[in-house]
Amino acid sequence: MSDLTLELSNIAKNYNVGQENGVNVLRSVDLKIKAGEIVALVAPSGAGKSTLLHIAGLLDTPDTGQVKIAGQDVTGLSDRKRTAIRREDVGFVYQFHHLLPEFTALENIVLPQLANGVAAAKAEAHAQDLLTRVGVAHRAAHRPAALSGGEQQRVAFCRALANSPSLLLADEPTGNLDPGTSDQVFAALMELVRGTGLSAVIATHNLDLAARMDRQLRLDDGALVTL
Protein backbone atom coordinates (compact mmCIF):
# COMPACT_ATOMS: atom_id res chain seq x y z
CA MET A 1 0.00 0.00 0.00
CA SER A 2 1.27 3.48 -0.87
CA ASP A 3 2.44 5.79 1.92
CA LEU A 4 1.02 8.66 -0.14
CA THR A 5 -2.62 9.56 0.49
CA LEU A 6 -2.75 11.89 -2.49
CA GLU A 7 -0.56 12.22 -5.56
CA LEU A 8 -1.15 14.68 -8.38
CA SER A 9 1.11 14.46 -11.41
CA ASN A 10 1.38 17.02 -14.21
CA ILE A 11 -2.12 18.40 -13.59
CA ALA A 12 -3.32 21.09 -15.99
CA LYS A 13 -6.72 22.74 -16.19
CA ASN A 14 -7.83 25.32 -18.73
CA TYR A 15 -11.13 27.11 -19.13
CA ASN A 16 -12.51 28.29 -22.46
CA VAL A 17 -10.01 26.05 -24.22
CA GLY A 18 -9.36 27.13 -27.78
CA GLN A 19 -10.74 30.58 -27.29
CA GLU A 20 -8.65 33.70 -27.45
CA ASN A 21 -9.47 34.56 -23.82
CA GLY A 22 -8.83 31.07 -22.47
CA VAL A 23 -7.52 30.86 -18.90
CA ASN A 24 -4.80 28.44 -17.80
CA VAL A 25 -5.83 27.92 -14.18
CA LEU A 26 -3.40 25.11 -13.37
CA ARG A 27 -0.11 24.40 -15.14
CA SER A 28 1.78 21.10 -14.66
CA VAL A 29 0.93 20.83 -10.95
CA ASP A 30 2.69 18.07 -9.01
CA LEU A 31 1.70 17.36 -5.41
CA LYS A 32 2.39 14.52 -2.99
CA ILE A 33 0.67 14.30 0.40
CA LYS A 34 1.95 11.72 2.87
CA ALA A 35 -0.28 9.82 5.26
CA GLY A 36 -0.96 11.98 8.31
CA GLU A 37 0.41 15.15 6.72
CA ILE A 38 -1.44 18.47 6.89
CA VAL A 39 -0.58 20.86 4.07
CA ALA A 40 -1.61 24.50 3.68
CA LEU A 41 -2.53 25.75 0.23
CA VAL A 42 -2.13 29.53 0.16
CA ALA A 43 -3.50 31.63 -2.67
CA PRO A 44 -5.69 34.67 -3.21
CA SER A 45 -9.23 34.35 -4.53
CA GLY A 46 -9.32 33.35 -8.19
CA ALA A 47 -5.86 31.77 -8.19
CA GLY A 48 -7.17 28.24 -8.75
CA LYS A 49 -7.06 26.69 -5.29
CA SER A 50 -10.71 25.60 -5.41
CA THR A 51 -10.13 24.05 -8.83
CA LEU A 52 -7.12 22.17 -7.49
CA LEU A 53 -9.10 20.87 -4.51
CA HIS A 54 -12.00 19.82 -6.75
CA ILE A 55 -9.64 17.86 -8.99
CA ALA A 56 -7.96 16.24 -5.98
CA GLY A 57 -11.37 15.30 -4.59
CA LEU A 58 -12.73 13.98 -7.91
CA LEU A 59 -15.34 16.71 -8.24
CA ASP A 60 -13.65 17.92 -11.42
CA THR A 61 -11.35 16.37 -13.99
CA PRO A 62 -8.02 17.74 -15.24
CA ASP A 63 -7.33 18.38 -18.91
CA THR A 64 -4.06 16.50 -18.50
CA GLY A 65 -2.33 14.68 -15.68
CA GLN A 66 -2.95 11.90 -13.18
CA VAL A 67 -4.70 11.72 -9.80
CA LYS A 68 -3.94 8.96 -7.32
CA ILE A 69 -5.65 8.43 -3.97
CA ALA A 70 -4.03 5.92 -1.60
CA GLY A 71 -1.93 4.64 -4.48
CA GLN A 72 -4.88 4.02 -6.80
CA ASP A 73 -5.04 5.79 -10.14
CA VAL A 74 -8.50 7.36 -10.11
CA THR A 75 -8.09 9.68 -13.10
CA GLY A 76 -10.19 7.82 -15.65
CA LEU A 77 -12.73 6.07 -13.45
CA SER A 78 -16.44 6.10 -14.21
CA ASP A 79 -18.71 8.58 -12.44
CA ARG A 80 -20.10 5.77 -10.27
CA LYS A 81 -16.68 4.67 -9.09
CA ARG A 82 -15.55 8.26 -8.52
CA THR A 83 -18.64 8.86 -6.39
CA ALA A 84 -17.90 5.75 -4.32
CA ILE A 85 -14.32 6.91 -3.68
CA ARG A 86 -15.48 10.40 -2.69
CA ARG A 87 -18.00 8.91 -0.28
CA GLU A 88 -15.53 6.56 1.38
CA ASP A 89 -12.08 8.13 1.07
CA VAL A 90 -12.49 11.91 0.78
CA GLY A 91 -14.00 14.46 3.17
CA PHE A 92 -14.83 18.04 2.12
CA VAL A 93 -15.18 21.22 4.16
CA TYR A 94 -16.12 24.54 2.58
CA GLN A 95 -16.17 28.16 3.72
CA PHE A 96 -19.92 27.85 4.26
CA HIS A 97 -21.11 24.89 6.27
CA HIS A 98 -23.82 23.61 3.85
CA LEU A 99 -25.53 21.67 6.64
CA LEU A 100 -29.01 20.34 5.92
CA PRO A 101 -31.28 22.83 7.74
CA GLU A 102 -34.10 20.41 8.52
CA PHE A 103 -31.85 17.99 10.41
CA THR A 104 -30.11 18.31 13.77
CA ALA A 105 -26.34 18.53 14.15
CA LEU A 106 -26.22 14.84 15.06
CA GLU A 107 -28.41 13.84 12.13
CA ASN A 108 -26.24 15.79 9.67
CA ILE A 109 -23.32 13.57 10.71
CA VAL A 110 -25.34 10.36 10.83
CA LEU A 111 -26.81 10.66 7.32
CA PRO A 112 -23.55 10.22 5.35
CA GLN A 113 -22.83 7.10 7.38
CA LEU A 114 -26.26 5.63 6.69
CA ALA A 115 -25.71 6.28 2.98
CA ASN A 116 -22.48 4.30 3.32
CA GLY A 117 -24.25 1.30 4.89
CA VAL A 118 -23.41 1.91 8.55
CA ALA A 119 -26.00 0.73 11.10
CA ALA A 120 -27.97 3.56 12.72
CA ALA A 121 -26.83 2.90 16.30
CA LYS A 122 -23.17 2.76 15.27
CA ALA A 123 -23.55 5.89 13.14
CA GLU A 124 -25.12 7.83 16.02
CA ALA A 125 -22.40 6.76 18.46
CA HIS A 126 -19.67 7.82 16.01
CA ALA A 127 -21.40 11.14 15.35
CA GLN A 128 -21.67 11.84 19.06
CA ASP A 129 -17.97 11.04 19.52
CA LEU A 130 -16.99 13.45 16.75
CA LEU A 131 -19.14 16.22 18.23
CA THR A 132 -17.51 15.61 21.61
CA ARG A 133 -14.05 15.95 20.07
CA VAL A 134 -14.83 19.42 18.72
CA GLY A 135 -16.62 20.57 21.85
CA VAL A 136 -20.22 20.80 20.65
CA ALA A 137 -21.73 17.55 21.91
CA HIS A 138 -24.20 19.58 23.96
CA ARG A 139 -25.59 21.02 20.71
CA ALA A 140 -26.26 17.64 19.07
CA ALA A 141 -30.06 18.02 19.10
CA HIS A 142 -30.06 21.55 17.65
CA ARG A 143 -30.70 22.37 14.01
CA PRO A 144 -28.15 24.52 12.14
CA ALA A 145 -30.22 27.72 12.46
CA ALA A 146 -29.91 27.48 16.25
CA LEU A 147 -26.11 27.17 16.12
CA SER A 148 -23.51 29.93 15.97
CA GLY A 149 -21.28 30.22 12.90
CA GLY A 150 -18.41 28.55 14.72
CA GLU A 151 -20.64 25.72 15.93
CA GLN A 152 -22.03 25.17 12.45
CA GLN A 153 -18.54 24.85 11.00
CA ARG A 154 -17.48 22.41 13.72
CA VAL A 155 -20.45 20.25 12.84
CA ALA A 156 -19.42 20.51 9.16
CA PHE A 157 -15.96 19.23 10.13
CA CYS A 158 -17.54 16.25 11.86
CA ARG A 159 -19.75 15.51 8.85
CA ALA A 160 -16.70 15.57 6.56
CA LEU A 161 -15.03 12.95 8.75
CA ALA A 162 -18.16 10.86 9.34
CA ASN A 163 -17.10 8.04 7.02
CA SER A 164 -13.47 8.02 8.26
CA PRO A 165 -11.86 9.21 5.02
CA SER A 166 -8.13 9.05 4.41
CA LEU A 167 -8.06 12.55 2.92
CA LEU A 168 -9.65 15.82 4.02
CA LEU A 169 -9.90 18.74 1.59
CA ALA A 170 -10.89 22.08 3.12
CA ASP A 171 -11.48 25.29 1.15
CA GLU A 172 -11.17 28.37 3.39
CA PRO A 173 -12.86 26.48 6.27
CA THR A 174 -12.71 29.46 8.64
CA GLY A 175 -12.94 32.25 6.07
CA ASN A 176 -16.51 33.12 7.00
CA LEU A 177 -15.77 33.60 10.71
CA ASP A 178 -14.47 36.52 12.76
CA PRO A 179 -10.77 36.31 13.75
CA GLY A 180 -11.36 35.11 17.32
CA THR A 181 -13.84 32.42 16.33
CA SER A 182 -11.70 31.47 13.33
CA ASP A 183 -8.74 30.71 15.57
CA GLN A 184 -10.81 28.58 17.94
CA VAL A 185 -12.52 26.67 15.14
CA PHE A 186 -9.25 26.08 13.30
CA ALA A 187 -7.71 24.71 16.50
CA ALA A 188 -10.64 22.30 16.80
CA LEU A 189 -10.14 21.22 13.19
CA MET A 190 -6.43 20.61 13.68
CA GLU A 191 -7.06 18.58 16.83
CA LEU A 192 -9.67 16.51 15.05
CA VAL A 193 -7.43 15.86 12.05
CA ARG A 194 -4.41 15.02 14.21
CA GLY A 195 -6.54 12.75 16.36
CA THR A 196 -7.78 10.73 13.41
CA GLY A 197 -4.42 10.57 11.62
CA LEU A 198 -5.75 11.43 8.17
CA SER A 199 -4.09 13.64 5.58
CA ALA A 200 -5.40 17.11 4.83
CA VAL A 201 -5.00 19.87 2.27
CA ILE A 202 -6.39 23.11 3.68
CA ALA A 203 -6.72 26.17 1.47
CA THR A 204 -6.44 29.48 3.31
CA HIS A 205 -5.33 33.05 2.73
CA ASN A 206 -4.42 33.35 6.44
CA LEU A 207 -0.64 32.98 6.75
CA ASP A 208 -0.82 32.59 10.54
CA LEU A 209 -3.09 29.57 10.18
CA ALA A 210 -0.95 28.20 7.35
CA ALA A 211 2.14 28.35 9.58
CA ARG A 212 0.51 25.92 12.00
CA MET A 213 0.43 23.17 9.40
CA ASP A 214 3.21 20.77 8.40
CA ARG A 215 3.97 22.36 5.07
CA GLN A 216 2.92 25.49 3.17
CA LEU A 217 2.44 25.67 -0.59
CA ARG A 218 1.40 28.59 -2.75
CA LEU A 219 -0.32 28.70 -6.11
CA ASP A 220 1.58 31.15 -8.25
CA ASP A 221 0.38 31.65 -11.83
CA GLY A 222 -1.08 28.14 -11.89
CA ALA A 223 1.98 26.39 -10.44
CA LEU A 224 2.73 25.18 -6.92
CA VAL A 225 5.71 26.62 -5.06
CA THR A 226 6.89 25.90 -1.51
CA LEU A 227 6.78 28.78 0.96
C-alpha atoms as a PDB file:
ATOM      1  CA  MET A   1       0.000   0.000   0.000  1.00  0.00           C
ATOM      2  CA  SER A   2       1.268   3.478  -0.868  1.00  0.00           C
ATOM      3  CA  ASP A   3       2.444   5.794   1.916  1.00  0.00           C
ATOM      4  CA  LEU A   4       1.015   8.664  -0.140  1.00  0.00           C
ATOM      5  CA  THR A   5      -2.616   9.558   0.492  1.00  0.00           C
ATOM      6  CA  LEU A   6      -2.754  11.895  -2.494  1.00  0.00           C
ATOM      7  CA  GLU A   7      -0.564  12.218  -5.562  1.00  0.00           C
ATOM      8  CA  LEU A   8      -1.150  14.680  -8.375  1.00  0.00           C
ATOM      9  CA  SER A   9       1.113  14.464 -11.414  1.00  0.00           C
ATOM     10  CA  ASN A  10       1.383  17.017 -14.210  1.00  0.00           C
ATOM     11  CA  ILE A  11      -2.115  18.398 -13.589  1.00  0.00           C
ATOM     12  CA  ALA A  12      -3.324  21.089 -15.986  1.00  0.00           C
ATOM     13  CA  LYS A  13      -6.717  22.742 -16.190  1.00  0.00           C
ATOM     14  CA  ASN A  14      -7.825  25.325 -18.728  1.00  0.00           C
ATOM     15  CA  TYR A  15     -11.129  27.108 -19.126  1.00  0.00           C
ATOM     16  CA  ASN A  16     -12.509  28.292 -22.464  1.00  0.00           C
ATOM     17  CA  VAL A  17     -10.013  26.050 -24.222  1.00  0.00           C
ATOM     18  CA  GLY A  18      -9.356  27.127 -27.776  1.00  0.00           C
ATOM     19  CA  GLN A  19     -10.738  30.584 -27.289  1.00  0.00           C
ATOM     20  CA  GLU A  20      -8.646  33.705 -27.445  1.00  0.00           C
ATOM     21  CA  ASN A  21      -9.466  34.559 -23.816  1.00  0.00           C
ATOM     22  CA  GLY A  22      -8.831  31.074 -22.466  1.00  0.00           C
ATOM     23  CA  VAL A  23      -7.521  30.858 -18.902  1.00  0.00           C
ATOM     24  CA  ASN A  24      -4.803  28.443 -17.797  1.00  0.00           C
ATOM     25  CA  VAL A  25      -5.831  27.916 -14.176  1.00  0.00           C
ATOM     26  CA  LEU A  26      -3.399  25.109 -13.366  1.00  0.00           C
ATOM     27  CA  ARG A  27      -0.114  24.401 -15.142  1.00  0.00           C
ATOM     28  CA  SER A  28       1.778  21.102 -14.660  1.00  0.00           C
ATOM     29  CA  VAL A  29       0.928  20.827 -10.950  1.00  0.00           C
ATOM     30  CA  ASP A  30       2.689  18.072  -9.009  1.00  0.00           C
ATOM     31  CA  LEU A  31       1.702  17.361  -5.406  1.00  0.00           C
ATOM     32  CA  LYS A  32       2.389  14.520  -2.988  1.00  0.00           C
ATOM     33  CA  ILE A  33       0.673  14.301   0.398  1.00  0.00           C
ATOM     34  CA  LYS A  34       1.948  11.716   2.872  1.00  0.00           C
ATOM     35  CA  ALA A  35      -0.276   9.817   5.255  1.00  0.00           C
ATOM     36  CA  GLY A  36      -0.961  11.977   8.314  1.00  0.00           C
ATOM     37  CA  GLU A  37       0.409  15.147   6.719  1.00  0.00           C
ATOM     38  CA  ILE A  38      -1.440  18.475   6.894  1.00  0.00           C
ATOM     39  CA  VAL A  39      -0.581  20.860   4.069  1.00  0.00           C
ATOM     40  CA  ALA A  40      -1.605  24.499   3.685  1.00  0.00           C
ATOM     41  CA  LEU A  41      -2.526  25.752   0.226  1.00  0.00           C
ATOM     42  CA  VAL A  42      -2.130  29.527   0.158  1.00  0.00           C
ATOM     43  CA  ALA A  43      -3.499  31.627  -2.672  1.00  0.00           C
ATOM     44  CA  PRO A  44      -5.694  34.671  -3.210  1.00  0.00           C
ATOM     45  CA  SER A  45      -9.228  34.355  -4.535  1.00  0.00           C
ATOM     46  CA  GLY A  46      -9.321  33.354  -8.188  1.00  0.00           C
ATOM     47  CA  ALA A  47      -5.863  31.775  -8.188  1.00  0.00           C
ATOM     48  CA  GLY A  48      -7.169  28.245  -8.752  1.00  0.00           C
ATOM     49  CA  LYS A  49      -7.057  26.691  -5.293  1.00  0.00           C
ATOM     50  CA  SER A  50     -10.708  25.602  -5.410  1.00  0.00           C
ATOM     51  CA  THR A  51     -10.133  24.055  -8.827  1.00  0.00           C
ATOM     52  CA  LEU A  52      -7.122  22.166  -7.491  1.00  0.00           C
ATOM     53  CA  LEU A  53      -9.100  20.871  -4.509  1.00  0.00           C
ATOM     54  CA  HIS A  54     -11.998  19.821  -6.748  1.00  0.00           C
ATOM     55  CA  ILE A  55      -9.638  17.864  -8.990  1.00  0.00           C
ATOM     56  CA  ALA A  56      -7.958  16.244  -5.984  1.00  0.00           C
ATOM     57  CA  GLY A  57     -11.370  15.296  -4.593  1.00  0.00           C
ATOM     58  CA  LEU A  58     -12.731  13.982  -7.908  1.00  0.00           C
ATOM     59  CA  LEU A  59     -15.342  16.712  -8.240  1.00  0.00           C
ATOM     60  CA  ASP A  60     -13.651  17.916 -11.421  1.00  0.00           C
ATOM     61  CA  THR A  61     -11.347  16.372 -13.990  1.00  0.00           C
ATOM     62  CA  PRO A  62      -8.017  17.744 -15.244  1.00  0.00           C
ATOM     63  CA  ASP A  63      -7.335  18.377 -18.910  1.00  0.00           C
ATOM     64  CA  THR A  64      -4.062  16.495 -18.495  1.00  0.00           C
ATOM     65  CA  GLY A  65      -2.330  14.677 -15.678  1.00  0.00           C
ATOM     66  CA  GLN A  66      -2.947  11.905 -13.182  1.00  0.00           C
ATOM     67  CA  VAL A  67      -4.701  11.723  -9.799  1.00  0.00           C
ATOM     68  CA  LYS A  68      -3.936   8.961  -7.320  1.00  0.00           C
ATOM     69  CA  ILE A  69      -5.654   8.434  -3.972  1.00  0.00           C
ATOM     70  CA  ALA A  70      -4.028   5.924  -1.597  1.00  0.00           C
ATOM     71  CA  GLY A  71      -1.928   4.641  -4.480  1.00  0.00           C
ATOM     72  CA  GLN A  72      -4.879   4.019  -6.804  1.00  0.00           C
ATOM     73  CA  ASP A  73      -5.043   5.794 -10.138  1.00  0.00           C
ATOM     74  CA  VAL A  74      -8.503   7.356 -10.109  1.00  0.00           C
ATOM     75  CA  THR A  75      -8.095   9.679 -13.099  1.00  0.00           C
ATOM     76  CA  GLY A  76     -10.187   7.821 -15.647  1.00  0.00           C
ATOM     77  CA  LEU A  77     -12.731   6.067 -13.451  1.00  0.00           C
ATOM     78  CA  SER A  78     -16.438   6.099 -14.209  1.00  0.00           C
ATOM     79  CA  ASP A  79     -18.706   8.576 -12.437  1.00  0.00           C
ATOM     80  CA  ARG A  80     -20.103   5.769 -10.275  1.00  0.00           C
ATOM     81  CA  LYS A  81     -16.681   4.675  -9.095  1.00  0.00           C
ATOM     82  CA  ARG A  82     -15.550   8.257  -8.521  1.00  0.00           C
ATOM     83  CA  THR A  83     -18.635   8.861  -6.388  1.00  0.00           C
ATOM     84  CA  ALA A  84     -17.897   5.749  -4.325  1.00  0.00           C
ATOM     85  CA  ILE A  85     -14.315   6.912  -3.683  1.00  0.00           C
ATOM     86  CA  ARG A  86     -15.484  10.397  -2.689  1.00  0.00           C
ATOM     87  CA  ARG A  87     -18.002   8.912  -0.284  1.00  0.00           C
ATOM     88  CA  GLU A  88     -15.533   6.562   1.379  1.00  0.00           C
ATOM     89  CA  ASP A  89     -12.075   8.130   1.071  1.00  0.00           C
ATOM     90  CA  VAL A  90     -12.494  11.912   0.784  1.00  0.00           C
ATOM     91  CA  GLY A  91     -14.003  14.459   3.165  1.00  0.00           C
ATOM     92  CA  PHE A  92     -14.828  18.038   2.118  1.00  0.00           C
ATOM     93  CA  VAL A  93     -15.180  21.217   4.158  1.00  0.00           C
ATOM     94  CA  TYR A  94     -16.118  24.542   2.583  1.00  0.00           C
ATOM     95  CA  GLN A  95     -16.166  28.162   3.724  1.00  0.00           C
ATOM     96  CA  PHE A  96     -19.924  27.851   4.265  1.00  0.00           C
ATOM     97  CA  HIS A  97     -21.105  24.886   6.274  1.00  0.00           C
ATOM     98  CA  HIS A  98     -23.818  23.613   3.855  1.00  0.00           C
ATOM     99  CA  LEU A  99     -25.528  21.666   6.636  1.00  0.00           C
ATOM    100  CA  LEU A 100     -29.014  20.341   5.921  1.00  0.00           C
ATOM    101  CA  PRO A 101     -31.283  22.828   7.736  1.00  0.00           C
ATOM    102  CA  GLU A 102     -34.105  20.412   8.516  1.00  0.00           C
ATOM    103  CA  PHE A 103     -31.850  17.990  10.411  1.00  0.00           C
ATOM    104  CA  THR A 104     -30.107  18.310  13.766  1.00  0.00           C
ATOM    105  CA  ALA A 105     -26.344  18.529  14.149  1.00  0.00           C
ATOM    106  CA  LEU A 106     -26.215  14.845  15.056  1.00  0.00           C
ATOM    107  CA  GLU A 107     -28.408  13.835  12.127  1.00  0.00           C
ATOM    108  CA  ASN A 108     -26.241  15.792   9.673  1.00  0.00           C
ATOM    109  CA  ILE A 109     -23.323  13.571  10.709  1.00  0.00           C
ATOM    110  CA  VAL A 110     -25.339  10.361  10.827  1.00  0.00           C
ATOM    111  CA  LEU A 111     -26.813  10.663   7.324  1.00  0.00           C
ATOM    112  CA  PRO A 112     -23.547  10.219   5.348  1.00  0.00           C
ATOM    113  CA  GLN A 113     -22.830   7.104   7.377  1.00  0.00           C
ATOM    114  CA  LEU A 114     -26.265   5.632   6.690  1.00  0.00           C
ATOM    115  CA  ALA A 115     -25.709   6.278   2.985  1.00  0.00           C
ATOM    116  CA  ASN A 116     -22.485   4.299   3.318  1.00  0.00           C
ATOM    117  CA  GLY A 117     -24.249   1.302   4.887  1.00  0.00           C
ATOM    118  CA  VAL A 118     -23.414   1.908   8.554  1.00  0.00           C
ATOM    119  CA  ALA A 119     -25.999   0.728  11.098  1.00  0.00           C
ATOM    120  CA  ALA A 120     -27.972   3.555  12.720  1.00  0.00           C
ATOM    121  CA  ALA A 121     -26.829   2.898  16.298  1.00  0.00           C
ATOM    122  CA  LYS A 122     -23.173   2.759  15.273  1.00  0.00           C
ATOM    123  CA  ALA A 123     -23.545   5.888  13.143  1.00  0.00           C
ATOM    124  CA  GLU A 124     -25.117   7.832  16.025  1.00  0.00           C
ATOM    125  CA  ALA A 125     -22.396   6.763  18.458  1.00  0.00           C
ATOM    126  CA  HIS A 126     -19.673   7.818  16.014  1.00  0.00           C
ATOM    127  CA  ALA A 127     -21.398  11.136  15.347  1.00  0.00           C
ATOM    128  CA  GLN A 128     -21.671  11.839  19.057  1.00  0.00           C
ATOM    129  CA  ASP A 129     -17.975  11.035  19.519  1.00  0.00           C
ATOM    130  CA  LEU A 130     -16.986  13.451  16.747  1.00  0.00           C
ATOM    131  CA  LEU A 131     -19.137  16.217  18.226  1.00  0.00           C
ATOM    132  CA  THR A 132     -17.506  15.612  21.605  1.00  0.00           C
ATOM    133  CA  ARG A 133     -14.047  15.952  20.072  1.00  0.00           C
ATOM    134  CA  VAL A 134     -14.832  19.420  18.716  1.00  0.00           C
ATOM    135  CA  GLY A 135     -16.617  20.571  21.854  1.00  0.00           C
ATOM    136  CA  VAL A 136     -20.216  20.805  20.647  1.00  0.00           C
ATOM    137  CA  ALA A 137     -21.730  17.548  21.907  1.00  0.00           C
ATOM    138  CA  HIS A 138     -24.200  19.583  23.956  1.00  0.00           C
ATOM    139  CA  ARG A 139     -25.588  21.021  20.709  1.00  0.00           C
ATOM    140  CA  ALA A 140     -26.259  17.635  19.072  1.00  0.00           C
ATOM    141  CA  ALA A 141     -30.057  18.025  19.099  1.00  0.00           C
ATOM    142  CA  HIS A 142     -30.064  21.549  17.651  1.00  0.00           C
ATOM    143  CA  ARG A 143     -30.701  22.369  14.010  1.00  0.00           C
ATOM    144  CA  PRO A 144     -28.148  24.524  12.136  1.00  0.00           C
ATOM    145  CA  ALA A 145     -30.222  27.717  12.459  1.00  0.00           C
ATOM    146  CA  ALA A 146     -29.908  27.476  16.252  1.00  0.00           C
ATOM    147  CA  LEU A 147     -26.109  27.169  16.122  1.00  0.00           C
ATOM    148  CA  SER A 148     -23.510  29.927  15.968  1.00  0.00           C
ATOM    149  CA  GLY A 149     -21.283  30.218  12.900  1.00  0.00           C
ATOM    150  CA  GLY A 150     -18.413  28.550  14.722  1.00  0.00           C
ATOM    151  CA  GLU A 151     -20.639  25.716  15.927  1.00  0.00           C
ATOM    152  CA  GLN A 152     -22.027  25.167  12.445  1.00  0.00           C
ATOM    153  CA  GLN A 153     -18.543  24.855  11.004  1.00  0.00           C
ATOM    154  CA  ARG A 154     -17.483  22.411  13.721  1.00  0.00           C
ATOM    155  CA  VAL A 155     -20.445  20.250  12.839  1.00  0.00           C
ATOM    156  CA  ALA A 156     -19.423  20.507   9.164  1.00  0.00           C
ATOM    157  CA  PHE A 157     -15.955  19.226  10.127  1.00  0.00           C
ATOM    158  CA  CYS A 158     -17.543  16.251  11.855  1.00  0.00           C
ATOM    159  CA  ARG A 159     -19.755  15.515   8.853  1.00  0.00           C
ATOM    160  CA  ALA A 160     -16.702  15.565   6.560  1.00  0.00           C
ATOM    161  CA  LEU A 161     -15.031  12.949   8.751  1.00  0.00           C
ATOM    162  CA  ALA A 162     -18.160  10.864   9.343  1.00  0.00           C
ATOM    163  CA  ASN A 163     -17.096   8.036   7.017  1.00  0.00           C
ATOM    164  CA  SER A 164     -13.474   8.020   8.262  1.00  0.00           C
ATOM    165  CA  PRO A 165     -11.859   9.209   5.020  1.00  0.00           C
ATOM    166  CA  SER A 166      -8.134   9.046   4.409  1.00  0.00           C
ATOM    167  CA  LEU A 167      -8.062  12.555   2.917  1.00  0.00           C
ATOM    168  CA  LEU A 168      -9.646  15.825   4.020  1.00  0.00           C
ATOM    169  CA  LEU A 169      -9.905  18.743   1.595  1.00  0.00           C
ATOM    170  CA  ALA A 170     -10.887  22.083   3.116  1.00  0.00           C
ATOM    171  CA  ASP A 171     -11.485  25.290   1.154  1.00  0.00           C
ATOM    172  CA  GLU A 172     -11.167  28.369   3.394  1.00  0.00           C
ATOM    173  CA  PRO A 173     -12.859  26.483   6.272  1.00  0.00           C
ATOM    174  CA  THR A 174     -12.708  29.465   8.643  1.00  0.00           C
ATOM    175  CA  GLY A 175     -12.943  32.248   6.067  1.00  0.00           C
ATOM    176  CA  ASN A 176     -16.511  33.121   6.997  1.00  0.00           C
ATOM    177  CA  LEU A 177     -15.771  33.598  10.712  1.00  0.00           C
ATOM    178  CA  ASP A 178     -14.469  36.523  12.762  1.00  0.00           C
ATOM    179  CA  PRO A 179     -10.774  36.313  13.754  1.00  0.00           C
ATOM    180  CA  GLY A 180     -11.361  35.112  17.323  1.00  0.00           C
ATOM    181  CA  THR A 181     -13.844  32.419  16.330  1.00  0.00           C
ATOM    182  CA  SER A 182     -11.700  31.474  13.334  1.00  0.00           C
ATOM    183  CA  ASP A 183      -8.737  30.710  15.566  1.00  0.00           C
ATOM    184  CA  GLN A 184     -10.808  28.575  17.937  1.00  0.00           C
ATOM    185  CA  VAL A 185     -12.522  26.665  15.142  1.00  0.00           C
ATOM    186  CA  PHE A 186      -9.245  26.081  13.304  1.00  0.00           C
ATOM    187  CA  ALA A 187      -7.711  24.706  16.497  1.00  0.00           C
ATOM    188  CA  ALA A 188     -10.642  22.301  16.796  1.00  0.00           C
ATOM    189  CA  LEU A 189     -10.144  21.215  13.186  1.00  0.00           C
ATOM    190  CA  MET A 190      -6.425  20.612  13.679  1.00  0.00           C
ATOM    191  CA  GLU A 191      -7.056  18.581  16.833  1.00  0.00           C
ATOM    192  CA  LEU A 192      -9.674  16.512  15.046  1.00  0.00           C
ATOM    193  CA  VAL A 193      -7.433  15.864  12.048  1.00  0.00           C
ATOM    194  CA  ARG A 194      -4.410  15.019  14.207  1.00  0.00           C
ATOM    195  CA  GLY A 195      -6.543  12.747  16.357  1.00  0.00           C
ATOM    196  CA  THR A 196      -7.780  10.726  13.406  1.00  0.00           C
ATOM    197  CA  GLY A 197      -4.422  10.565  11.618  1.00  0.00           C
ATOM    198  CA  LEU A 198      -5.751  11.427   8.173  1.00  0.00           C
ATOM    199  CA  SER A 199      -4.088  13.635   5.584  1.00  0.00           C
ATOM    200  CA  ALA A 200      -5.401  17.108   4.830  1.00  0.00           C
ATOM    201  CA  VAL A 201      -4.999  19.873   2.273  1.00  0.00           C
ATOM    202  CA  ILE A 202      -6.386  23.111   3.680  1.00  0.00           C
ATOM    203  CA  ALA A 203      -6.718  26.174   1.473  1.00  0.00           C
ATOM    204  CA  THR A 204      -6.438  29.476   3.305  1.00  0.00           C
ATOM    205  CA  HIS A 205      -5.330  33.048   2.734  1.00  0.00           C
ATOM    206  CA  ASN A 206      -4.419  33.348   6.441  1.00  0.00           C
ATOM    207  CA  LEU A 207      -0.643  32.976   6.746  1.00  0.00           C
ATOM    208  CA  ASP A 208      -0.822  32.592  10.538  1.00  0.00           C
ATOM    209  CA  LEU A 209      -3.089  29.571  10.180  1.00  0.00           C
ATOM    210  CA  ALA A 210      -0.948  28.196   7.350  1.00  0.00           C
ATOM    211  CA  ALA A 211       2.139  28.354   9.577  1.00  0.00           C
ATOM    212  CA  ARG A 212       0.506  25.923  12.003  1.00  0.00           C
ATOM    213  CA  MET A 213       0.430  23.171   9.398  1.00  0.00           C
ATOM    214  CA  ASP A 214       3.206  20.766   8.404  1.00  0.00           C
ATOM    215  CA  ARG A 215       3.966  22.358   5.066  1.00  0.00           C
ATOM    216  CA  GLN A 216       2.919  25.487   3.166  1.00  0.00           C
ATOM    217  CA  LEU A 217       2.437  25.666  -0.588  1.00  0.00           C
ATOM    218  CA  ARG A 218       1.401  28.589  -2.752  1.00  0.00           C
ATOM    219  CA  LEU A 219      -0.322  28.695  -6.114  1.00  0.00           C
ATOM    220  CA  ASP A 220       1.584  31.146  -8.252  1.00  0.00           C
ATOM    221  CA  ASP A 221       0.384  31.652 -11.834  1.00  0.00           C
ATOM    222  CA  GLY A 222      -1.076  28.138 -11.887  1.00  0.00           C
ATOM    223  CA  ALA A 223       1.985  26.388 -10.443  1.00  0.00           C
ATOM    224  CA  LEU A 224       2.728  25.175  -6.922  1.00  0.00           C
ATOM    225  CA  VAL A 225       5.708  26.616  -5.057  1.00  0.00           C
ATOM    226  CA  THR A 226       6.888  25.901  -1.507  1.00  0.00           C
ATOM    227  CA  LEU A 227       6.784  28.778   0.957  1.00  0.00           C
END
